[in-house]
Amino acid sequence: QVQAVESGGGLVQAGDSLRLSCAASGRIFDKSVVGWFRQAPGKEREFVAAISWSGEKANYGDSTKGRFTISRDNAKNTVYLQMNGLKPEDTAVYYCAAESRAGTWESWGQGTQVTVSS
């Protein structure tokens, strides 16, 4: 099954940084917007960031704007999420997905856990 694979999560302290990676198997990222989402226990999935195919356009959720940076390396079929100034409220499972032509998010990975201690 073609899907994305997230990695890079871990346990860090408040104020630390982490870089998440989202690697695609197959060509699921070709010409696609790729997004990062997160879901904390008991909460709905939240949009974190998205990046265009060219990498020239990026959007961020209100809670991550200014602290997180999304980037991509199309030669490696990989999208990154650099997270700086982490806060305990950033604790969640982080997922990536590719946007389909219909505007839906597909090819979800299994997620990577990020835990930020205070």
C-alpha atoms as a PDB file:
ATOM      1  CA  GLN A   1       0.000   0.000   0.000  1.00  0.00           C
ATOM      2  CA  VAL A   2       1.343   3.361  -0.979  1.00  0.00           C
ATOM      3  CA  GLN A   3       1.473   5.720   1.953  1.00  0.00           C
ATOM      4  CA  ALA A   4       3.555   8.184   3.875  1.00  0.00           C
ATOM      5  CA  VAL A   5       5.859   7.263   6.757  1.00  0.00           C
ATOM      6  CA  GLU A   6       6.464   9.754   9.536  1.00  0.00           C
ATOM      7  CA  SER A   7       9.519   9.769  11.793  1.00  0.00           C
ATOM      8  CA  GLY A   8      11.477  12.008  14.122  1.00  0.00           C
ATOM      9  CA  GLY A   9       9.153  12.230  17.087  1.00  0.00           C
ATOM     10  CA  GLY A  10      10.271  11.835  20.664  1.00  0.00           C
ATOM     11  CA  LEU A  11      10.196  13.123  24.210  1.00  0.00           C
ATOM     12  CA  VAL A  12      11.606  16.620  24.672  1.00  0.00           C
ATOM     13  CA  GLN A  13      11.425  19.452  27.148  1.00  0.00           C
ATOM     14  CA  ALA A  14       9.560  22.702  26.674  1.00  0.00           C
ATOM     15  CA  GLY A  15      11.577  25.071  24.518  1.00  0.00           C
ATOM     16  CA  ASP A  16      13.375  22.292  22.647  1.00  0.00           C
ATOM     17  CA  SER A  17      13.255  21.606  18.925  1.00  0.00           C
ATOM     18  CA  LEU A  18      12.463  18.577  16.806  1.00  0.00           C
ATOM     19  CA  ARG A  19      12.428  17.894  13.089  1.00  0.00           C
ATOM     20  CA  LEU A  20       9.862  15.486  11.764  1.00  0.00           C
ATOM     21  CA  SER A  21      10.184  13.748   8.430  1.00  0.00           C
ATOM     22  CA  CYS A  22       7.477  12.413   6.164  1.00  0.00           C
ATOM     23  CA  ALA A  23       8.764  10.042   3.514  1.00  0.00           C
ATOM     24  CA  ALA A  24       6.562   8.890   0.664  1.00  0.00           C
ATOM     25  CA  SER A  25       6.572   5.457  -0.839  1.00  0.00           C
ATOM     26  CA  GLY A  26       5.771   5.537  -4.509  1.00  0.00           C
ATOM     27  CA  ARG A  27       4.754   8.774  -6.178  1.00  0.00           C
ATOM     28  CA  ILE A  28       2.034   9.933  -3.822  1.00  0.00           C
ATOM     29  CA  PHE A  29       3.689  13.291  -3.310  1.00  0.00           C
ATOM     30  CA  ASP A  30       4.138  14.037  -6.997  1.00  0.00           C
ATOM     31  CA  LYS A  31       2.609  17.393  -7.879  1.00  0.00           C
ATOM     32  CA  SER A  32       0.743  17.346  -4.543  1.00  0.00           C
ATOM     33  CA  VAL A  33       0.339  19.638  -1.618  1.00  0.00           C
ATOM     34  CA  VAL A  34       1.503  17.812   1.502  1.00  0.00           C
ATOM     35  CA  GLY A  35       0.236  18.614   4.947  1.00  0.00           C
ATOM     36  CA  TRP A  36       1.070  17.906   8.563  1.00  0.00           C
ATOM     37  CA  PHE A  37      -1.656  17.336  11.108  1.00  0.00           C
ATOM     38  CA  ARG A  38      -1.679  16.373  14.752  1.00  0.00           C
ATOM     39  CA  GLN A  39      -4.062  14.768  17.175  1.00  0.00           C
ATOM     40  CA  ALA A  40      -3.823  14.914  20.933  1.00  0.00           C
ATOM     41  CA  PRO A  41      -5.686  12.449  23.173  1.00  0.00           C
ATOM     42  CA  GLY A  42      -9.336  13.333  23.420  1.00  0.00           C
ATOM     43  CA  LYS A  43      -9.064  16.080  20.824  1.00  0.00           C
ATOM     44  CA  GLU A  44      -9.916  16.407  17.167  1.00  0.00           C
ATOM     45  CA  ARG A  45      -7.280  16.290  14.492  1.00  0.00           C
ATOM     46  CA  GLU A  46      -5.699  19.710  13.987  1.00  0.00           C
ATOM     47  CA  PHE A  47      -4.105  21.224  10.910  1.00  0.00           C
ATOM     48  CA  VAL A  48      -0.450  22.097  11.486  1.00  0.00           C
ATOM     49  CA  ALA A  49       1.021  23.128   8.148  1.00  0.00           C
ATOM     50  CA  ALA A  50       0.933  22.455   4.422  1.00  0.00           C
ATOM     51  CA  ILE A  51       3.317  23.086   1.565  1.00  0.00           C
ATOM     52  CA  SER A  52       2.848  23.339  -2.180  1.00  0.00           C
ATOM     53  CA  TRP A  53       4.570  21.067  -4.675  1.00  0.00           C
ATOM     54  CA  SER A  54       7.140  23.725  -5.546  1.00  0.00           C
ATOM     55  CA  GLY A  55       7.732  24.569  -1.920  1.00  0.00           C
ATOM     56  CA  GLU A  56       7.053  28.234  -2.604  1.00  0.00           C
ATOM     57  CA  LYS A  57       3.791  28.379  -0.676  1.00  0.00           C
ATOM     58  CA  ALA A  58       3.213  27.257   2.888  1.00  0.00           C
ATOM     59  CA  ASN A  59       0.297  27.620   5.271  1.00  0.00           C
ATOM     60  CA  TYR A  60       0.277  27.176   9.018  1.00  0.00           C
ATOM     61  CA  GLY A  61      -2.255  26.654  11.728  1.00  0.00           C
ATOM     62  CA  ASP A  62      -2.712  29.504  14.160  1.00  0.00           C
ATOM     63  CA  SER A  63      -1.143  27.574  17.028  1.00  0.00           C
ATOM     64  CA  THR A  64       2.049  26.761  15.135  1.00  0.00           C
ATOM     65  CA  LYS A  65       2.632  29.849  13.054  1.00  0.00           C
ATOM     66  CA  GLY A  66       5.981  31.432  13.812  1.00  0.00           C
ATOM     67  CA  ARG A  67       7.369  28.365  15.579  1.00  0.00           C
ATOM     68  CA  PHE A  68       7.082  25.593  12.994  1.00  0.00           C
ATOM     69  CA  THR A  69       8.498  25.535   9.468  1.00  0.00           C
ATOM     70  CA  ILE A  70       7.471  23.113   6.749  1.00  0.00           C
ATOM     71  CA  SER A  71       9.784  22.271   3.857  1.00  0.00           C
ATOM     72  CA  ARG A  72      10.198  19.565   1.257  1.00  0.00           C
ATOM     73  CA  ASP A  73      12.832  17.821  -0.816  1.00  0.00           C
ATOM     74  CA  ASN A  74      11.089  16.428  -3.868  1.00  0.00           C
ATOM     75  CA  ALA A  75      14.183  14.554  -4.981  1.00  0.00           C
ATOM     76  CA  LYS A  76      13.888  12.548  -1.772  1.00  0.00           C
ATOM     77  CA  ASN A  77      10.081  12.406  -1.738  1.00  0.00           C
ATOM     78  CA  THR A  78      10.244  13.814   1.768  1.00  0.00           C
ATOM     79  CA  VAL A  79       8.520  16.627   3.605  1.00  0.00           C
ATOM     80  CA  TYR A  80       9.888  18.028   6.845  1.00  0.00           C
ATOM     81  CA  LEU A  81       8.436  19.845   9.811  1.00  0.00           C
ATOM     82  CA  GLN A  82      10.919  21.831  11.869  1.00  0.00           C
ATOM     83  CA  MET A  83       9.413  22.525  15.268  1.00  0.00           C
ATOM     84  CA  ASN A  84      11.044  25.134  17.480  1.00  0.00           C
ATOM     85  CA  GLY A  85      10.021  26.468  20.847  1.00  0.00           C
ATOM     86  CA  LEU A  86       7.989  23.389  21.636  1.00  0.00           C
ATOM     87  CA  LYS A  87       5.302  23.678  24.280  1.00  0.00           C
ATOM     88  CA  PRO A  88       3.508  20.999  26.312  1.00  0.00           C
ATOM     89  CA  GLU A  89       0.376  21.714  24.284  1.00  0.00           C
ATOM     90  CA  ASP A  90       2.234  20.557  21.166  1.00  0.00           C
ATOM     91  CA  THR A  91       2.111  17.024  22.557  1.00  0.00           C
ATOM     92  CA  ALA A  92       0.295  14.867  20.025  1.00  0.00           C
ATOM     93  CA  VAL A  93       0.661  12.247  17.353  1.00  0.00           C
ATOM     94  CA  TYR A  94       1.786  13.976  14.170  1.00  0.00           C
ATOM     95  CA  TYR A  95       0.640  12.738  10.783  1.00  0.00           C
ATOM     96  CA  CYS A  96       1.312  13.738   7.211  1.00  0.00           C
ATOM     97  CA  ALA A  97      -0.859  13.298   4.162  1.00  0.00           C
ATOM     98  CA  ALA A  98      -1.022  14.288   0.513  1.00  0.00           C
ATOM     99  CA  GLU A  99      -3.849  16.344  -0.907  1.00  0.00           C
ATOM    100  CA  SER A 100      -5.737  14.703  -3.735  1.00  0.00           C
ATOM    101  CA  ARG A 101      -7.074  16.489  -6.792  1.00  0.00           C
ATOM    102  CA  ALA A 102     -10.489  16.358  -5.157  1.00  0.00           C
ATOM    103  CA  GLY A 103      -9.152  18.312  -2.210  1.00  0.00           C
ATOM    104  CA  THR A 104      -9.211  15.459   0.270  1.00  0.00           C
ATOM    105  CA  TRP A 105      -6.238  14.312   2.319  1.00  0.00           C
ATOM    106  CA  GLU A 106      -4.986  10.846   1.490  1.00  0.00           C
ATOM    107  CA  SER A 107      -2.130   8.400   2.027  1.00  0.00           C
ATOM    108  CA  TRP A 108      -1.984   8.990   5.750  1.00  0.00           C
ATOM    109  CA  GLY A 109       0.951   7.546   7.638  1.00  0.00           C
ATOM    110  CA  GLN A 110       0.901   5.832  11.018  1.00  0.00           C
ATOM    111  CA  GLY A 111       2.040   8.963  12.796  1.00  0.00           C
ATOM    112  CA  THR A 112       4.927   9.828  15.084  1.00  0.00           C
ATOM    113  CA  GLN A 113       4.495  10.693  18.745  1.00  0.00           C
ATOM    114  CA  VAL A 114       5.756  14.027  20.021  1.00  0.00           C
ATOM    115  CA  THR A 115       5.721  14.546  23.776  1.00  0.00           C
ATOM    116  CA  VAL A 116       6.774  17.828  25.327  1.00  0.00           C
ATOM    117  CA  SER A 117       7.344  17.929  29.062  1.00  0.00           C
ATOM    118  CA  SER A 118       7.066  21.118  31.072  1.00  0.00           C
END
